[in-house]
């Protein structure tokens, strides 16, 4: 997996986080939608844990490649 793939994966994860929190915020405007809103917020919060995991995996993988392509 190249550096560009890790960056793309990280960007996609950030977009999903934004979607979950935006939808959750909209749902919180309607009392009948509070439970789904809470779940969307929980999913978004969990994805915040995924963000550093993607970066860490990228660092570890790319440092093992010949020529250490991670350094700029």
PDB file of N, CA and C in Angstrom:
ATOM      1  N   UNK A   1       0.852  -1.179   0.000  1.00  0.00           N
ATOM      2  CA  UNK A   1       0.000   0.000   0.000  1.00  0.00           C
ATOM      3  C   UNK A   1       0.896   1.240   0.000  1.00  0.00           C
ATOM      4  N   UNK A   2       0.667   2.148  -0.903  1.00  0.00           N
ATOM      5  CA  UNK A   2       1.520   3.328  -1.000  1.00  0.00           C
ATOM      6  C   UNK A   2       1.030   4.427  -0.062  1.00  0.00           C
ATOM      7  N   UNK A   3       1.866   5.431   0.079  1.00  0.00           N
ATOM      8  CA  UNK A   3       1.515   6.573   0.939  1.00  0.00           C
ATOM      9  C   UNK A   3       0.212   7.218   0.481  1.00  0.00           C
ATOM     10  N   UNK A   4       0.036   7.315  -0.818  1.00  0.00           N
ATOM     11  CA  UNK A   4      -1.163   7.938  -1.376  1.00  0.00           C
ATOM     12  C   UNK A   4      -2.421   7.165  -0.969  1.00  0.00           C
ATOM     13  N   UNK A   5      -2.323   5.854  -0.909  1.00  0.00           N
ATOM     14  CA  UNK A   5      -3.478   5.043  -0.503  1.00  0.00           C
ATOM     15  C   UNK A   5      -3.847   5.296   0.956  1.00  0.00           C
ATOM     16  N   UNK A   6      -2.841   5.423   1.811  1.00  0.00           N
ATOM     17  CA  UNK A   6      -3.121   5.724   3.221  1.00  0.00           C
ATOM     18  C   UNK A   6      -3.756   7.105   3.360  1.00  0.00           C
ATOM     19  N   UNK A   7      -3.284   8.063   2.588  1.00  0.00           N
ATOM     20  CA  UNK A   7      -3.871   9.401   2.622  1.00  0.00           C
ATOM     21  C   UNK A   7      -5.323   9.363   2.151  1.00  0.00           C
ATOM     22  N   UNK A   8      -5.593   8.622   1.085  1.00  0.00           N
ATOM     23  CA  UNK A   8      -6.953   8.492   0.564  1.00  0.00           C
ATOM     24  C   UNK A   8      -7.858   7.824   1.585  1.00  0.00           C
ATOM     25  N   UNK A   9      -7.369   6.785   2.230  1.00  0.00           N
ATOM     26  CA  UNK A   9      -8.137   6.098   3.262  1.00  0.00           C
ATOM     27  C   UNK A   9      -8.446   7.039   4.423  1.00  0.00           C
ATOM     28  N   UNK A  10      -7.475   7.847   4.808  1.00  0.00           N
ATOM     29  CA  UNK A  10      -7.664   8.808   5.892  1.00  0.00           C
ATOM     30  C   UNK A  10      -8.688   9.881   5.518  1.00  0.00           C
ATOM     31  N   UNK A  11      -8.627  10.368   4.291  1.00  0.00           N
ATOM     32  CA  UNK A  11      -9.578  11.384   3.827  1.00  0.00           C
ATOM     33  C   UNK A  11     -10.991  10.798   3.783  1.00  0.00           C
ATOM     34  N   UNK A  12     -11.124   9.578   3.270  1.00  0.00           N
ATOM     35  CA  UNK A  12     -12.438   8.926   3.223  1.00  0.00           C
ATOM     36  C   UNK A  12     -12.999   8.756   4.627  1.00  0.00           C
ATOM     37  N   UNK A  13     -12.156   8.372   5.573  1.00  0.00           N
ATOM     38  CA  UNK A  13     -12.590   8.227   6.964  1.00  0.00           C
ATOM     39  C   UNK A  13     -13.053   9.574   7.519  1.00  0.00           C
ATOM     40  N   UNK A  14     -12.312  10.644   7.248  1.00  0.00           N
ATOM     41  CA  UNK A  14     -12.708  11.977   7.714  1.00  0.00           C
ATOM     42  C   UNK A  14     -14.050  12.407   7.123  1.00  0.00           C
ATOM     43  N   UNK A  15     -14.277  12.083   5.853  1.00  0.00           N
ATOM     44  CA  UNK A  15     -15.565  12.415   5.226  1.00  0.00           C
ATOM     45  C   UNK A  15     -16.707  11.663   5.900  1.00  0.00           C
ATOM     46  N   UNK A  16     -16.496  10.398   6.201  1.00  0.00           N
ATOM     47  CA  UNK A  16     -17.534   9.628   6.889  1.00  0.00           C
ATOM     48  C   UNK A  16     -17.814  10.190   8.279  1.00  0.00           C
ATOM     49  N   UNK A  17     -16.769  10.583   8.989  1.00  0.00           N
ATOM     50  CA  UNK A  17     -16.953  11.197  10.306  1.00  0.00           C
ATOM     51  C   UNK A  17     -17.848  12.426  10.179  1.00  0.00           C
ATOM     52  N   UNK A  18     -17.560  13.272   9.199  1.00  0.00           N
ATOM     53  CA  UNK A  18     -18.357  14.484   9.000  1.00  0.00           C
ATOM     54  C   UNK A  18     -19.812  14.151   8.684  1.00  0.00           C
ATOM     55  N   UNK A  19     -20.020  13.151   7.852  1.00  0.00           N
ATOM     56  CA  UNK A  19     -21.391  12.749   7.501  1.00  0.00           C
ATOM     57  C   UNK A  19     -22.144  12.260   8.722  1.00  0.00           C
ATOM     58  N   UNK A  20     -21.517  11.371   9.527  1.00  0.00           N
ATOM     59  CA  UNK A  20     -22.204  10.832  10.715  1.00  0.00           C
ATOM     60  C   UNK A  20     -22.586  11.955  11.677  1.00  0.00           C
ATOM     61  N   UNK A  21     -21.657  12.879  11.941  1.00  0.00           N
ATOM     62  CA  UNK A  21     -21.955  13.957  12.884  1.00  0.00           C
ATOM     63  C   UNK A  21     -22.955  14.960  12.315  1.00  0.00           C
ATOM     64  N   UNK A  22     -22.901  15.236  11.020  1.00  0.00           N
ATOM     65  CA  UNK A  22     -23.876  16.133  10.413  1.00  0.00           C
ATOM     66  C   UNK A  22     -25.280  15.534  10.482  1.00  0.00           C
ATOM     67  N   UNK A  23     -25.411  14.269  10.077  1.00  0.00           N
ATOM     68  CA  UNK A  23     -26.716  13.616  10.159  1.00  0.00           C
ATOM     69  C   UNK A  23     -27.203  13.529  11.602  1.00  0.00           C
ATOM     70  N   UNK A  24     -26.303  13.166  12.507  1.00  0.00           N
ATOM     71  CA  UNK A  24     -26.680  13.088  13.920  1.00  0.00           C
ATOM     72  C   UNK A  24     -27.160  14.428  14.445  1.00  0.00           C
ATOM     73  N   UNK A  25     -26.490  15.497  14.047  1.00  0.00           N
ATOM     74  CA  UNK A  25     -26.897  16.835  14.491  1.00  0.00           C
ATOM     75  C   UNK A  25     -28.277  17.203  13.957  1.00  0.00           C
ATOM     76  N   UNK A  26     -28.524  16.874  12.707  1.00  0.00           N
ATOM     77  CA  UNK A  26     -29.844  17.138  12.126  1.00  0.00           C
ATOM     78  C   UNK A  26     -30.908  16.304  12.834  1.00  0.00           C
ATOM     79  N   UNK A  27     -30.609  15.031  13.075  1.00  0.00           N
ATOM     80  CA  UNK A  27     -31.569  14.147  13.740  1.00  0.00           C
ATOM     81  C   UNK A  27     -31.905  14.638  15.144  1.00  0.00           C
ATOM     82  N   UNK A  28     -30.928  15.243  15.828  1.00  0.00           N
ATOM     83  CA  UNK A  28     -31.183  15.738  17.189  1.00  0.00           C
ATOM     84  C   UNK A  28     -32.199  16.887  17.197  1.00  0.00           C
ATOM     85  N   UNK A  29     -32.480  17.467  16.053  1.00  0.00           N
ATOM     86  CA  UNK A  29     -33.490  18.530  15.983  1.00  0.00           C
ATOM     87  C   UNK A  29     -34.909  17.979  16.123  1.00  0.00           C
ATOM     88  N   UNK A  30     -35.054  16.675  15.915  1.00  0.00           N
ATOM     89  CA  UNK A  30     -36.374  16.026  15.982  1.00  0.00           C
ATOM     90  C   UNK A  30     -36.380  15.037  17.144  1.00  0.00           C
ATOM     91  N   UNK A  31     -37.204  15.276  18.155  1.00  0.00           N
ATOM     92  CA  UNK A  31     -37.226  14.405  19.335  1.00  0.00           C
ATOM     93  C   UNK A  31     -37.424  12.917  19.005  1.00  0.00           C
ATOM     94  N   UNK A  32     -38.180  12.621  17.978  1.00  0.00           N
ATOM     95  CA  UNK A  32     -38.405  11.213  17.624  1.00  0.00           C
ATOM     96  C   UNK A  32     -37.167  10.545  17.031  1.00  0.00           C
ATOM     97  N   UNK A  33     -36.175  11.338  16.657  1.00  0.00           N
ATOM     98  CA  UNK A  33     -34.955  10.814  16.028  1.00  0.00           C
ATOM     99  C   UNK A  33     -33.748  10.831  16.975  1.00  0.00           C
ATOM    100  N   UNK A  34     -33.975  11.035  18.262  1.00  0.00           N
ATOM    101  CA  UNK A  34     -32.853  11.148  19.190  1.00  0.00           C
ATOM    102  C   UNK A  34     -32.029   9.865  19.291  1.00  0.00           C
ATOM    103  N   UNK A  35     -32.679   8.716  19.255  1.00  0.00           N
ATOM    104  CA  UNK A  35     -31.912   7.457  19.350  1.00  0.00           C
ATOM    105  C   UNK A  35     -31.004   7.260  18.143  1.00  0.00           C
ATOM    106  N   UNK A  36     -31.514   7.393  16.901  1.00  0.00           N
ATOM    107  CA  UNK A  36     -30.587   7.289  15.763  1.00  0.00           C
ATOM    108  C   UNK A  36     -29.496   8.367  15.794  1.00  0.00           C
ATOM    109  N   UNK A  37     -29.837   9.561  16.283  1.00  0.00           N
ATOM    110  CA  UNK A  37     -28.843  10.635  16.378  1.00  0.00           C
ATOM    111  C   UNK A  37     -27.719  10.242  17.326  1.00  0.00           C
ATOM    112  N   UNK A  38     -28.082   9.645  18.443  1.00  0.00           N
ATOM    113  CA  UNK A  38     -27.068   9.208  19.409  1.00  0.00           C
ATOM    114  C   UNK A  38     -26.186   8.122  18.812  1.00  0.00           C
ATOM    115  N   UNK A  39     -26.779   7.201  18.060  1.00  0.00           N
ATOM    116  CA  UNK A  39     -25.991   6.137  17.424  1.00  0.00           C
ATOM    117  C   UNK A  39     -25.044   6.697  16.379  1.00  0.00           C
ATOM    118  N   UNK A  40     -25.507   7.668  15.593  1.00  0.00           N
ATOM    119  CA  UNK A  40     -24.630   8.279  14.597  1.00  0.00           C
ATOM    120  C   UNK A  40     -23.464   9.001  15.265  1.00  0.00           C
ATOM    121  N   UNK A  41     -23.723   9.649  16.381  1.00  0.00           N
ATOM    122  CA  UNK A  41     -22.645  10.310  17.129  1.00  0.00           C
ATOM    123  C   UNK A  41     -21.660   9.282  17.676  1.00  0.00           C
ATOM    124  N   UNK A  42     -22.171   8.155  18.121  1.00  0.00           N
ATOM    125  CA  UNK A  42     -21.304   7.083  18.622  1.00  0.00           C
ATOM    126  C   UNK A  42     -20.430   6.516  17.503  1.00  0.00           C
ATOM    127  N   UNK A  43     -21.022   6.307  16.330  1.00  0.00           N
ATOM    128  CA  UNK A  43     -20.258   5.805  15.182  1.00  0.00           C
ATOM    129  C   UNK A  43     -19.176   6.821  14.788  1.00  0.00           C
ATOM    130  N   UNK A  44     -19.542   8.101  14.751  1.00  0.00           N
ATOM    131  CA  UNK A  44     -18.559   9.135  14.420  1.00  0.00           C
ATOM    132  C   UNK A  44     -17.423   9.182  15.430  1.00  0.00           C
ATOM    133  N   UNK A  45     -17.757   9.031  16.702  1.00  0.00           N
ATOM    134  CA  UNK A  45     -16.731   9.026  17.745  1.00  0.00           C
ATOM    135  C   UNK A  45     -15.803   7.832  17.598  1.00  0.00           C
ATOM    136  N   UNK A  46     -16.360   6.674  17.273  1.00  0.00           N
ATOM    137  CA  UNK A  46     -15.535   5.486  17.055  1.00  0.00           C
ATOM    138  C   UNK A  46     -14.591   5.700  15.878  1.00  0.00           C
ATOM    139  N   UNK A  47     -15.087   6.356  14.846  1.00  0.00           N
ATOM    140  CA  UNK A  47     -14.233   6.597  13.685  1.00  0.00           C
ATOM    141  C   UNK A  47     -13.101   7.560  13.997  1.00  0.00           C
ATOM    142  N   UNK A  48     -13.257   8.392  15.011  1.00  0.00           N
ATOM    143  CA  UNK A  48     -12.130   9.228  15.443  1.00  0.00           C
ATOM    144  C   UNK A  48     -10.990   8.355  15.961  1.00  0.00           C
ATOM    145  N   UNK A  49     -11.298   7.170  16.471  1.00  0.00           N
ATOM    146  CA  UNK A  49     -10.252   6.226  16.881  1.00  0.00           C
ATOM    147  C   UNK A  49      -9.562   5.601  15.672  1.00  0.00           C
ATOM    148  N   UNK A  50     -10.295   5.463  14.591  1.00  0.00           N
ATOM    149  CA  UNK A  50      -9.737   4.856  13.385  1.00  0.00           C
ATOM    150  C   UNK A  50      -8.709   5.775  12.733  1.00  0.00           C
ATOM    151  N   UNK A  51      -8.923   7.088  12.834  1.00  0.00           N
ATOM    152  CA  UNK A  51      -8.024   8.060  12.191  1.00  0.00           C
ATOM    153  C   UNK A  51      -6.560   7.857  12.592  1.00  0.00           C
ATOM    154  N   UNK A  52      -6.204   7.859  13.884  1.00  0.00           N
ATOM    155  CA  UNK A  52      -4.791   7.661  14.221  1.00  0.00           C
ATOM    156  C   UNK A  52      -4.308   6.244  13.908  1.00  0.00           C
ATOM    157  N   UNK A  53      -5.214   5.286  13.901  1.00  0.00           N
ATOM    158  CA  UNK A  53      -4.833   3.919  13.554  1.00  0.00           C
ATOM    159  C   UNK A  53      -4.386   3.851  12.098  1.00  0.00           C
ATOM    160  N   UNK A  54      -5.106   4.524  11.217  1.00  0.00           N
ATOM    161  CA  UNK A  54      -4.719   4.567   9.800  1.00  0.00           C
ATOM    162  C   UNK A  54      -3.348   5.218   9.661  1.00  0.00           C
ATOM    163  N   UNK A  55      -3.144   6.331  10.343  1.00  0.00           N
ATOM    164  CA  UNK A  55      -1.851   7.024  10.250  1.00  0.00           C
ATOM    165  C   UNK A  55      -0.714   6.171  10.795  1.00  0.00           C
ATOM    166  N   UNK A  56      -0.953   5.519  11.934  1.00  0.00           N
ATOM    167  CA  UNK A  56       0.085   4.679  12.530  1.00  0.00           C
ATOM    168  C   UNK A  56       0.431   3.507  11.615  1.00  0.00           C
ATOM    169  N   UNK A  57      -0.577   2.856  11.070  1.00  0.00           N
ATOM    170  CA  UNK A  57      -0.334   1.740  10.143  1.00  0.00           C
ATOM    171  C   UNK A  57       0.442   2.225   8.921  1.00  0.00           C
ATOM    172  N   UNK A  58       0.095   3.404   8.433  1.00  0.00           N
ATOM    173  CA  UNK A  58       0.811   3.964   7.293  1.00  0.00           C
ATOM    174  C   UNK A  58       2.275   4.218   7.604  1.00  0.00           C
ATOM    175  N   UNK A  59       2.529   4.832   8.762  1.00  0.00           N
ATOM    176  CA  UNK A  59       3.920   5.094   9.167  1.00  0.00           C
ATOM    177  C   UNK A  59       4.709   3.796   9.285  1.00  0.00           C
ATOM    178  N   UNK A  60       4.136   2.827   9.969  1.00  0.00           N
ATOM    179  CA  UNK A  60       4.835   1.567  10.204  1.00  0.00           C
ATOM    180  C   UNK A  60       5.092   0.821   8.899  1.00  0.00           C
ATOM    181  N   UNK A  61       4.103   0.767   8.035  1.00  0.00           N
ATOM    182  CA  UNK A  61       4.260   0.041   6.775  1.00  0.00           C
ATOM    183  C   UNK A  61       5.267   0.723   5.858  1.00  0.00           C
ATOM    184  N   UNK A  62       5.156   2.026   5.723  1.00  0.00           N
ATOM    185  CA  UNK A  62       6.014   2.735   4.777  1.00  0.00           C
ATOM    186  C   UNK A  62       7.459   2.833   5.258  1.00  0.00           C
ATOM    187  N   UNK A  63       7.687   2.793   6.561  1.00  0.00           N
ATOM    188  CA  UNK A  63       9.067   2.812   7.058  1.00  0.00           C
ATOM    189  C   UNK A  63       9.777   1.498   6.777  1.00  0.00           C
ATOM    190  N   UNK A  64       9.017   0.432   6.602  1.00  0.00           N
ATOM    191  CA  UNK A  64       9.610  -0.874   6.309  1.00  0.00           C
ATOM    192  C   UNK A  64       9.960  -1.042   4.839  1.00  0.00           C
ATOM    193  N   UNK A  65       9.487  -0.153   3.983  1.00  0.00           N
ATOM    194  CA  UNK A  65       9.770  -0.261   2.559  1.00  0.00           C
ATOM    195  C   UNK A  65      11.221   0.129   2.273  1.00  0.00           C
ATOM    196  N   UNK A  66      11.811  -0.483   1.257  1.00  0.00           N
ATOM    197  CA  UNK A  66      13.183  -0.118   0.885  1.00  0.00           C
ATOM    198  C   UNK A  66      13.270   1.366   0.534  1.00  0.00           C
ATOM    199  N   UNK A  67      14.286   2.017   1.025  1.00  0.00           N
ATOM    200  CA  UNK A  67      14.502   3.429   0.745  1.00  0.00           C
ATOM    201  C   UNK A  67      13.703   4.340   1.648  1.00  0.00           C
ATOM    202  N   UNK A  68      12.945   3.783   2.570  1.00  0.00           N
ATOM    203  CA  UNK A  68      12.169   4.563   3.555  1.00  0.00           C
ATOM    204  C   UNK A  68      11.457   5.720   2.868  1.00  0.00           C
ATOM    205  N   UNK A  69      10.499   5.425   2.018  1.00  0.00           N
ATOM    206  CA  UNK A  69       9.804   6.419   1.203  1.00  0.00           C
ATOM    207  C   UNK A  69       8.932   7.342   2.014  1.00  0.00           C
ATOM    208  N   UNK A  70       8.739   7.081   3.297  1.00  0.00           N
ATOM    209  CA  UNK A  70       7.856   7.910   4.128  1.00  0.00           C
ATOM    210  C   UNK A  70       8.470   9.283   4.393  1.00  0.00           C
ATOM    211  N   UNK A  71       9.777   9.330   4.535  1.00  0.00           N
ATOM    212  CA  UNK A  71      10.437  10.603   4.822  1.00  0.00           C
ATOM    213  C   UNK A  71      10.340  11.516   3.615  1.00  0.00           C
ATOM    214  N   UNK A  72      10.134  12.791   3.872  1.00  0.00           N
ATOM    215  CA  UNK A  72      10.018  13.754   2.774  1.00  0.00           C
ATOM    216  C   UNK A  72      11.237  14.622   2.708  1.00  0.00           C
TER     217      UNK A  72
END
